[in-house]
Amino acid sequence: MNLTEARMRDLFELSHGPVNPMAWGVTLRRRFGHFTPNEYYEETVEGLVTAETEWLDVGGGAAIFPNNRRLGQILAERCKRLVVVDPSPNIDDNTFAHERFRGMLEDYPSDRRFDLVSARMVVEHVTDPDSFVQKLGQIVKPGGKVVIYTVSRWSPITVLSGLTPLSVHHVAKKFLWGGEEKDTFPVTYLMNTYARLNALFSGAGFKLAKYQRLDDCRTLQHWKYLLATELLLWKVLRTLGIGYPEACILGVFERT
């Protein structure tokens, strides 16, 4: 286990306690040595939040980390200030935010500068990437970081999502992962490749600090034996040096 994976296990147990043997999904993942993209994202953000961090979370909605609310609380208490920006009314349910702004990032009126901006599963919905990233360039301090976590444009489910209407998305999302219809939003996929992200952020005064393609074995996570099969396939492909077809991407960009 590498250092990053060891920290993710520590963070998981900090938030949830030791793994419950009855939690078969978690047990299976640990047996196969698989960490979800969510866990990589959470570990990355956790490593950037200090007591002096002015932090803005874009699209945080009701929770910074929906799958790890305890960690969200810990980081909200650790940082100097946490501002959440989201056009959805879900933002009113966010109990950890120090400040809330209901609206688009581009409309955020503050002259404040931030050390950290995080965007979890947000940029796939952005309709004007240039304006979005230019705004980030305005509000992030020199040396500050932007963490982008999103789906890969060329994952099979993402490709299918791009070819089907929104009415289909919620049905499929609810079947595979659960959730409410109010949490399903239109997608554009205009920022969902390494090349596109790097070009946009380079043009707005950022340099790439970190980039990862994260294998995503969550498609069948609600069915024990299908999840085990998915994880086995992932393990075989990894042994062969082949990336799993379903994937997310994680990028950290530093303001120069």
C-alpha atoms as a PDB file:
ATOM      1  CA  MET A   1       0.000   0.000   0.000  1.00  0.00           C
ATOM      2  CA  ASN A   2       1.436   3.413  -0.949  1.00  0.00           C
ATOM      3  CA  LEU A   3       1.371   6.531   1.236  1.00  0.00           C
ATOM      4  CA  THR A   4      -1.719   7.992  -0.452  1.00  0.00           C
ATOM      5  CA  GLU A   5      -3.707   4.777   0.014  1.00  0.00           C
ATOM      6  CA  ALA A   6      -2.571   4.512   3.645  1.00  0.00           C
ATOM      7  CA  ARG A   7      -3.814   8.065   4.289  1.00  0.00           C
ATOM      8  CA  MET A   8      -7.130   7.273   2.598  1.00  0.00           C
ATOM      9  CA  ARG A   9      -7.630   4.270   4.856  1.00  0.00           C
ATOM     10  CA  ASP A  10      -6.828   6.404   7.894  1.00  0.00           C
ATOM     11  CA  LEU A  11      -9.298   9.068   6.742  1.00  0.00           C
ATOM     12  CA  PHE A  12     -11.986   6.492   6.135  1.00  0.00           C
ATOM     13  CA  GLU A  13     -11.608   4.998   9.609  1.00  0.00           C
ATOM     14  CA  LEU A  14     -11.444   8.483  11.158  1.00  0.00           C
ATOM     15  CA  SER A  15     -14.830   9.267   9.643  1.00  0.00           C
ATOM     16  CA  HIS A  16     -16.584   5.915   9.812  1.00  0.00           C
ATOM     17  CA  GLY A  17     -14.724   3.841  12.383  1.00  0.00           C
ATOM     18  CA  PRO A  18     -13.204   0.418  11.671  1.00  0.00           C
ATOM     19  CA  VAL A  19     -14.708  -1.451   8.741  1.00  0.00           C
ATOM     20  CA  ASN A  20     -17.853  -3.311   9.709  1.00  0.00           C
ATOM     21  CA  PRO A  21     -17.663  -6.919   8.426  1.00  0.00           C
ATOM     22  CA  MET A  22     -21.350  -6.606   7.522  1.00  0.00           C
ATOM     23  CA  ALA A  23     -20.555  -3.738   5.145  1.00  0.00           C
ATOM     24  CA  TRP A  24     -19.801  -6.109   2.293  1.00  0.00           C
ATOM     25  CA  GLY A  25     -19.144  -3.373  -0.264  1.00  0.00           C
ATOM     26  CA  VAL A  26     -16.342  -1.821   1.768  1.00  0.00           C
ATOM     27  CA  THR A  27     -14.990  -5.247   2.702  1.00  0.00           C
ATOM     28  CA  LEU A  28     -14.828  -6.304  -0.951  1.00  0.00           C
ATOM     29  CA  ARG A  29     -13.024  -3.142  -1.985  1.00  0.00           C
ATOM     30  CA  ARG A  30     -10.446  -3.501   0.746  1.00  0.00           C
ATOM     31  CA  ARG A  31      -9.927  -7.173  -0.135  1.00  0.00           C
ATOM     32  CA  PHE A  32      -9.189  -6.243  -3.744  1.00  0.00           C
ATOM     33  CA  GLY A  33      -7.176  -3.158  -2.789  1.00  0.00           C
ATOM     34  CA  HIS A  34      -9.528  -0.783  -4.578  1.00  0.00           C
ATOM     35  CA  PHE A  35     -10.203   2.787  -3.465  1.00  0.00           C
ATOM     36  CA  THR A  36     -13.024   4.738  -5.055  1.00  0.00           C
ATOM     37  CA  PRO A  37     -12.450   8.003  -6.948  1.00  0.00           C
ATOM     38  CA  ASN A  38     -14.333   9.742  -4.125  1.00  0.00           C
ATOM     39  CA  GLU A  39     -11.694   8.602  -1.660  1.00  0.00           C
ATOM     40  CA  TYR A  40      -8.833   9.874  -3.839  1.00  0.00           C
ATOM     41  CA  TYR A  41     -10.590  13.241  -4.111  1.00  0.00           C
ATOM     42  CA  GLU A  42     -11.231  13.438  -0.376  1.00  0.00           C
ATOM     43  CA  GLU A  43      -7.605  12.580   0.393  1.00  0.00           C
ATOM     44  CA  THR A  44      -6.391  15.261  -2.011  1.00  0.00           C
ATOM     45  CA  VAL A  45      -8.581  18.001  -0.530  1.00  0.00           C
ATOM     46  CA  GLU A  46      -7.783  16.948   3.039  1.00  0.00           C
ATOM     47  CA  GLY A  47      -4.081  17.367   2.306  1.00  0.00           C
ATOM     48  CA  LEU A  48      -4.611  20.963   1.179  1.00  0.00           C
ATOM     49  CA  VAL A  49      -6.767  22.249   4.063  1.00  0.00           C
ATOM     50  CA  THR A  50      -4.958  23.870   6.973  1.00  0.00           C
ATOM     51  CA  ALA A  51      -5.997  26.203   9.786  1.00  0.00           C
ATOM     52  CA  GLU A  52      -5.164  29.207   7.557  1.00  0.00           C
ATOM     53  CA  THR A  53      -7.014  28.013   4.437  1.00  0.00           C
ATOM     54  CA  GLU A  54      -9.627  30.271   2.857  1.00  0.00           C
ATOM     55  CA  TRP A  55     -11.631  27.635   0.981  1.00  0.00           C
ATOM     56  CA  LEU A  56     -14.367  27.970  -1.611  1.00  0.00           C
ATOM     57  CA  ASP A  57     -16.313  24.897  -2.691  1.00  0.00           C
ATOM     58  CA  VAL A  58     -18.168  25.109  -6.007  1.00  0.00           C
ATOM     59  CA  GLY A  59     -21.325  23.037  -6.321  1.00  0.00           C
ATOM     60  CA  GLY A  60     -21.091  21.743  -2.759  1.00  0.00           C
ATOM     61  CA  GLY A  61     -24.852  21.576  -2.423  1.00  0.00           C
ATOM     62  CA  ALA A  62     -25.947  19.892   0.774  1.00  0.00           C
ATOM     63  CA  ALA A  63     -22.549  18.342   1.563  1.00  0.00           C
ATOM     64  CA  ILE A  64     -18.887  18.865   0.708  1.00  0.00           C
ATOM     65  CA  PHE A  65     -18.334  15.108   0.656  1.00  0.00           C
ATOM     66  CA  PRO A  66     -21.724  13.369   0.281  1.00  0.00           C
ATOM     67  CA  ASN A  67     -20.177   9.959   1.008  1.00  0.00           C
ATOM     68  CA  ASN A  68     -18.057  11.148   3.916  1.00  0.00           C
ATOM     69  CA  ARG A  69     -19.906  13.835   5.852  1.00  0.00           C
ATOM     70  CA  ARG A  70     -17.771  13.392   8.950  1.00  0.00           C
ATOM     71  CA  LEU A  71     -14.634  14.350   7.010  1.00  0.00           C
ATOM     72  CA  GLY A  72     -16.473  17.348   5.575  1.00  0.00           C
ATOM     73  CA  GLN A  73     -17.263  18.485   9.113  1.00  0.00           C
ATOM     74  CA  ILE A  74     -13.661  17.985  10.245  1.00  0.00           C
ATOM     75  CA  LEU A  75     -12.254  20.054   7.376  1.00  0.00           C
ATOM     76  CA  ALA A  76     -14.899  22.774   7.775  1.00  0.00           C
ATOM     77  CA  GLU A  77     -13.853  23.119  11.418  1.00  0.00           C
ATOM     78  CA  ARG A  78     -10.153  22.982  10.525  1.00  0.00           C
ATOM     79  CA  CYS A  79     -10.085  25.709   7.853  1.00  0.00           C
ATOM     80  CA  LYS A  80     -10.180  29.472   8.402  1.00  0.00           C
ATOM     81  CA  ARG A  81     -13.301  29.945   6.270  1.00  0.00           C
ATOM     82  CA  LEU A  82     -15.443  27.762   4.011  1.00  0.00           C
ATOM     83  CA  VAL A  83     -17.645  29.414   1.388  1.00  0.00           C
ATOM     84  CA  VAL A  84     -20.026  27.246  -0.643  1.00  0.00           C
ATOM     85  CA  VAL A  85     -21.292  28.448  -4.035  1.00  0.00           C
ATOM     86  CA  ASP A  86     -24.113  26.569  -5.768  1.00  0.00           C
ATOM     87  CA  PRO A  87     -27.171  27.595  -7.831  1.00  0.00           C
ATOM     88  CA  SER A  88     -29.208  24.702  -6.417  1.00  0.00           C
ATOM     89  CA  PRO A  89     -31.544  25.179  -3.426  1.00  0.00           C
ATOM     90  CA  ASN A  90     -29.746  22.147  -1.953  1.00  0.00           C
ATOM     91  CA  ILE A  91     -27.174  24.621  -0.662  1.00  0.00           C
ATOM     92  CA  ASP A  92     -29.593  25.619   2.101  1.00  0.00           C
ATOM     93  CA  ASP A  93     -29.116  22.143   3.598  1.00  0.00           C
ATOM     94  CA  ASN A  94     -25.343  22.524   3.911  1.00  0.00           C
ATOM     95  CA  THR A  95     -24.727  22.754   7.651  1.00  0.00           C
ATOM     96  CA  PHE A  96     -20.917  22.989   7.500  1.00  0.00           C
ATOM     97  CA  ALA A  97     -20.543  26.059   5.254  1.00  0.00           C
ATOM     98  CA  HIS A  98     -19.477  29.270   6.982  1.00  0.00           C
ATOM     99  CA  GLU A  99     -20.995  31.271   4.119  1.00  0.00           C
ATOM    100  CA  ARG A 100     -23.390  30.308   1.325  1.00  0.00           C
ATOM    101  CA  PHE A 101     -23.906  31.951  -2.052  1.00  0.00           C
ATOM    102  CA  ARG A 102     -26.801  30.609  -4.099  1.00  0.00           C
ATOM    103  CA  GLY A 103     -25.834  31.270  -7.696  1.00  0.00           C
ATOM    104  CA  MET A 104     -23.292  30.531 -10.391  1.00  0.00           C
ATOM    105  CA  LEU A 105     -19.586  30.859  -9.666  1.00  0.00           C
ATOM    106  CA  GLU A 106     -19.306  33.538 -12.350  1.00  0.00           C
ATOM    107  CA  ASP A 107     -21.811  35.668 -10.398  1.00  0.00           C
ATOM    108  CA  TYR A 108     -20.055  35.384  -7.043  1.00  0.00           C
ATOM    109  CA  PRO A 109     -19.598  39.044  -6.061  1.00  0.00           C
ATOM    110  CA  SER A 110     -16.880  38.869  -3.439  1.00  0.00           C
ATOM    111  CA  ASP A 111     -13.429  40.442  -3.913  1.00  0.00           C
ATOM    112  CA  ARG A 112     -12.020  37.900  -1.475  1.00  0.00           C
ATOM    113  CA  ARG A 113      -9.166  35.686  -2.671  1.00  0.00           C
ATOM    114  CA  PHE A 114      -9.007  32.006  -1.801  1.00  0.00           C
ATOM    115  CA  ASP A 115      -6.204  29.546  -1.070  1.00  0.00           C
ATOM    116  CA  LEU A 116      -8.256  26.591  -2.252  1.00  0.00           C
ATOM    117  CA  VAL A 117     -11.192  26.045  -4.596  1.00  0.00           C
ATOM    118  CA  SER A 118     -12.721  22.581  -4.920  1.00  0.00           C
ATOM    119  CA  ALA A 119     -15.214  21.387  -7.523  1.00  0.00           C
ATOM    120  CA  ARG A 120     -16.591  17.896  -7.051  1.00  0.00           C
ATOM    121  CA  MET A 121     -18.624  16.594 -10.021  1.00  0.00           C
ATOM    122  CA  VAL A 122     -19.284  20.134 -11.254  1.00  0.00           C
ATOM    123  CA  VAL A 123     -17.411  20.881 -14.478  1.00  0.00           C
ATOM    124  CA  GLU A 124     -19.394  18.316 -16.492  1.00  0.00           C
ATOM    125  CA  HIS A 125     -22.323  20.740 -16.133  1.00  0.00           C
ATOM    126  CA  VAL A 126     -20.456  23.947 -17.078  1.00  0.00           C
ATOM    127  CA  THR A 127     -21.788  25.580 -20.265  1.00  0.00           C
ATOM    128  CA  ASP A 128     -19.104  28.290 -20.604  1.00  0.00           C
ATOM    129  CA  PRO A 129     -15.749  26.797 -19.584  1.00  0.00           C
ATOM    130  CA  ASP A 130     -13.724  29.903 -20.469  1.00  0.00           C
ATOM    131  CA  SER A 131     -15.779  32.162 -18.179  1.00  0.00           C
ATOM    132  CA  PHE A 132     -15.747  29.546 -15.414  1.00  0.00           C
ATOM    133  CA  VAL A 133     -11.966  29.179 -15.423  1.00  0.00           C
ATOM    134  CA  GLN A 134     -11.332  32.906 -15.872  1.00  0.00           C
ATOM    135  CA  LYS A 135     -13.385  33.495 -12.709  1.00  0.00           C
ATOM    136  CA  LEU A 136     -11.204  30.996 -10.892  1.00  0.00           C
ATOM    137  CA  GLY A 137      -8.174  32.933 -12.063  1.00  0.00           C
ATOM    138  CA  GLN A 138      -9.638  36.049 -10.458  1.00  0.00           C
ATOM    139  CA  ILE A 139     -10.475  34.608  -7.055  1.00  0.00           C
ATOM    140  CA  VAL A 140      -7.558  32.233  -6.398  1.00  0.00           C
ATOM    141  CA  LYS A 141      -4.471  33.660  -4.701  1.00  0.00           C
ATOM    142  CA  PRO A 142      -1.029  33.207  -6.306  1.00  0.00           C
ATOM    143  CA  GLY A 143       0.111  29.787  -5.138  1.00  0.00           C
ATOM    144  CA  GLY A 144      -3.489  28.763  -4.424  1.00  0.00           C
ATOM    145  CA  LYS A 145      -4.936  25.518  -5.726  1.00  0.00           C
ATOM    146  CA  VAL A 146      -8.016  24.446  -7.659  1.00  0.00           C
ATOM    147  CA  VAL A 147      -9.074  20.796  -7.334  1.00  0.00           C
ATOM    148  CA  ILE A 148     -11.237  19.466 -10.163  1.00  0.00           C
ATOM    149  CA  TYR A 149     -12.900  16.062  -9.773  1.00  0.00           C
ATOM    150  CA  THR A 150     -15.166  14.893 -12.568  1.00  0.00           C
ATOM    151  CA  VAL A 151     -16.063  12.003 -14.863  1.00  0.00           C
ATOM    152  CA  SER A 152     -13.874  11.081 -17.808  1.00  0.00           C
ATOM    153  CA  ARG A 153     -15.417  12.086 -21.124  1.00  0.00           C
ATOM    154  CA  TRP A 154     -14.685   8.735 -22.722  1.00  0.00           C
ATOM    155  CA  SER A 155     -15.982   6.400 -20.036  1.00  0.00           C
ATOM    156  CA  PRO A 156     -18.795   4.193 -21.418  1.00  0.00           C
ATOM    157  CA  ILE A 157     -21.477   5.581 -19.100  1.00  0.00           C
ATOM    158  CA  THR A 158     -20.414   9.162 -19.837  1.00  0.00           C
ATOM    159  CA  VAL A 159     -20.593   8.514 -23.572  1.00  0.00           C
ATOM    160  CA  LEU A 160     -24.079   7.016 -23.209  1.00  0.00           C
ATOM    161  CA  SER A 161     -25.138   9.927 -21.007  1.00  0.00           C
ATOM    162  CA  GLY A 162     -24.076  12.361 -23.705  1.00  0.00           C
ATOM    163  CA  LEU A 163     -26.288  10.560 -26.230  1.00  0.00           C
ATOM    164  CA  THR A 164     -29.465  10.355 -24.122  1.00  0.00           C
ATOM    165  CA  PRO A 165     -31.932  12.977 -22.820  1.00  0.00           C
ATOM    166  CA  LEU A 166     -31.965  14.200 -19.219  1.00  0.00           C
ATOM    167  CA  SER A 167     -35.175  12.286 -18.504  1.00  0.00           C
ATOM    168  CA  VAL A 168     -33.229   9.054 -18.952  1.00  0.00           C
ATOM    169  CA  HIS A 169     -30.347  10.163 -16.741  1.00  0.00           C
ATOM    170  CA  HIS A 170     -32.255  10.184 -13.460  1.00  0.00           C
ATOM    171  CA  VAL A 171     -33.803   6.766 -14.087  1.00  0.00           C
ATOM    172  CA  ALA A 172     -30.391   5.251 -14.798  1.00  0.00           C
ATOM    173  CA  LYS A 173     -28.739   7.151 -11.933  1.00  0.00           C
ATOM    174  CA  LYS A 174     -31.367   6.062  -9.427  1.00  0.00           C
ATOM    175  CA  PHE A 175     -31.117   2.425 -10.540  1.00  0.00           C
ATOM    176  CA  LEU A 176     -27.317   2.262 -10.378  1.00  0.00           C
ATOM    177  CA  TRP A 177     -26.425   4.638  -7.546  1.00  0.00           C
ATOM    178  CA  GLY A 178     -29.617   5.913  -5.921  1.00  0.00           C
ATOM    179  CA  GLY A 179     -30.356   9.579  -5.284  1.00  0.00           C
ATOM    180  CA  GLU A 180     -33.177  12.014  -5.856  1.00  0.00           C
ATOM    181  CA  GLU A 181     -34.304  13.645  -9.083  1.00  0.00           C
ATOM    182  CA  LYS A 182     -33.421  17.103  -7.708  1.00  0.00           C
ATOM    183  CA  ASP A 183     -29.760  16.019  -7.748  1.00  0.00           C
ATOM    184  CA  THR A 184     -29.747  15.245 -11.492  1.00  0.00           C
ATOM    185  CA  PHE A 185     -28.642  18.153 -13.683  1.00  0.00           C
ATOM    186  CA  PRO A 186     -28.028  18.708 -17.424  1.00  0.00           C
ATOM    187  CA  VAL A 187     -24.539  17.764 -18.624  1.00  0.00           C
ATOM    188  CA  THR A 188     -22.264  19.290 -21.265  1.00  0.00           C
ATOM    189  CA  TYR A 189     -18.920  17.462 -20.874  1.00  0.00           C
ATOM    190  CA  LEU A 190     -16.956  20.458 -22.200  1.00  0.00           C
ATOM    191  CA  MET A 191     -14.160  20.123 -19.609  1.00  0.00           C
ATOM    192  CA  ASN A 192     -13.823  16.380 -19.203  1.00  0.00           C
ATOM    193  CA  THR A 193     -10.485  15.479 -20.728  1.00  0.00           C
ATOM    194  CA  TYR A 194      -6.924  16.130 -19.615  1.00  0.00           C
ATOM    195  CA  ALA A 195      -6.143  18.130 -22.748  1.00  0.00           C
ATOM    196  CA  ARG A 196      -9.160  20.419 -22.367  1.00  0.00           C
ATOM    197  CA  LEU A 197      -8.628  21.046 -18.651  1.00  0.00           C
ATOM    198  CA  ASN A 198      -4.937  21.741 -19.104  1.00  0.00           C
ATOM    199  CA  ALA A 199      -5.548  24.147 -21.990  1.00  0.00           C
ATOM    200  CA  LEU A 200      -8.245  26.066 -20.101  1.00  0.00           C
ATOM    201  CA  PHE A 201      -6.284  26.422 -16.873  1.00  0.00           C
ATOM    202  CA  SER A 202      -2.996  27.240 -18.607  1.00  0.00           C
ATOM    203  CA  GLY A 203      -4.769  30.069 -20.389  1.00  0.00           C
ATOM    204  CA  ALA A 204      -6.062  31.459 -17.087  1.00  0.00           C
ATOM    205  CA  GLY A 205      -2.715  31.594 -15.294  1.00  0.00           C
ATOM    206  CA  PHE A 206      -2.533  28.154 -13.715  1.00  0.00           C
ATOM    207  CA  LYS A 207      -0.019  25.334 -13.948  1.00  0.00           C
ATOM    208  CA  LEU A 208      -0.801  21.647 -13.547  1.00  0.00           C
ATOM    209  CA  ALA A 209       0.276  20.369 -10.118  1.00  0.00           C
ATOM    210  CA  LYS A 210      -1.318  16.911 -10.215  1.00  0.00           C
ATOM    211  CA  TYR A 211      -3.381  14.785 -12.561  1.00  0.00           C
ATOM    212  CA  GLN A 212      -4.828  11.301 -12.071  1.00  0.00           C
ATOM    213  CA  ARG A 213      -7.080   9.006 -14.051  1.00  0.00           C
ATOM    214  CA  LEU A 214      -9.046   7.091 -11.397  1.00  0.00           C
ATOM    215  CA  ASP A 215     -10.505   3.666 -12.166  1.00  0.00           C
ATOM    216  CA  ASP A 216     -14.161   3.640 -11.134  1.00  0.00           C
ATOM    217  CA  CYS A 217     -15.664   0.304 -10.058  1.00  0.00           C
ATOM    218  CA  ARG A 218     -18.978   1.616  -8.747  1.00  0.00           C
ATOM    219  CA  THR A 219     -21.339   0.783 -11.596  1.00  0.00           C
ATOM    220  CA  LEU A 220     -22.536  -2.435  -9.977  1.00  0.00           C
ATOM    221  CA  GLN A 221     -21.907  -1.541  -6.345  1.00  0.00           C
ATOM    222  CA  HIS A 222     -25.441  -2.349  -5.148  1.00  0.00           C
ATOM    223  CA  TRP A 223     -25.148  -6.052  -6.051  1.00  0.00           C
ATOM    224  CA  LYS A 224     -22.614  -8.017  -4.037  1.00  0.00           C
ATOM    225  CA  TYR A 225     -21.577 -10.665  -6.555  1.00  0.00           C
ATOM    226  CA  LEU A 226     -21.677  -8.298  -9.522  1.00  0.00           C
ATOM    227  CA  LEU A 227     -19.446  -5.883  -7.613  1.00  0.00           C
ATOM    228  CA  ALA A 228     -17.054  -8.739  -6.849  1.00  0.00           C
ATOM    229  CA  THR A 229     -16.978  -9.566 -10.570  1.00  0.00           C
ATOM    230  CA  GLU A 230     -16.343  -5.928 -11.453  1.00  0.00           C
ATOM    231  CA  LEU A 231     -13.498  -5.703  -8.942  1.00  0.00           C
ATOM    232  CA  LEU A 232     -11.999  -8.955 -10.224  1.00  0.00           C
ATOM    233  CA  LEU A 233     -12.023  -7.606 -13.777  1.00  0.00           C
ATOM    234  CA  TRP A 234     -10.430  -4.395 -12.536  1.00  0.00           C
ATOM    235  CA  LYS A 235      -7.708  -6.404 -10.782  1.00  0.00           C
ATOM    236  CA  VAL A 236      -6.960  -8.435 -13.903  1.00  0.00           C
ATOM    237  CA  LEU A 237      -6.795  -5.349 -16.131  1.00  0.00           C
ATOM    238  CA  ARG A 238      -4.571  -3.593 -13.600  1.00  0.00           C
ATOM    239  CA  THR A 239      -2.192  -6.547 -13.558  1.00  0.00           C
ATOM    240  CA  LEU A 240      -1.999  -6.286 -17.345  1.00  0.00           C
ATOM    241  CA  GLY A 241      -1.346  -2.550 -17.129  1.00  0.00           C
ATOM    242  CA  ILE A 242      -4.723  -1.658 -18.667  1.00  0.00           C
ATOM    243  CA  GLY A 243      -6.949   1.084 -17.240  1.00  0.00           C
ATOM    244  CA  TYR A 244     -10.498   0.199 -16.290  1.00  0.00           C
ATOM    245  CA  PRO A 245     -12.995   1.525 -18.908  1.00  0.00           C
ATOM    246  CA  GLU A 246     -15.049   3.472 -16.358  1.00  0.00           C
ATOM    247  CA  ALA A 247     -12.962   6.249 -14.895  1.00  0.00           C
ATOM    248  CA  CYS A 248     -12.973   9.680 -13.286  1.00  0.00           C
ATOM    249  CA  ILE A 249     -10.311  12.369 -13.542  1.00  0.00           C
ATOM    250  CA  LEU A 250      -8.723  14.403 -10.773  1.00  0.00           C
ATOM    251  CA  GLY A 251      -6.694  17.517 -11.495  1.00  0.00           C
ATOM    252  CA  VAL A 252      -4.993  20.011  -9.198  1.00  0.00           C
ATOM    253  CA  PHE A 253      -4.047  23.355 -10.747  1.00  0.00           C
ATOM    254  CA  GLU A 254      -1.846  25.959  -9.042  1.00  0.00           C
ATOM    255  CA  ARG A 255      -2.253  29.699  -9.621  1.00  0.00           C
ATOM    256  CA  THR A 256       1.024  31.169 -10.856  1.00  0.00           C
END
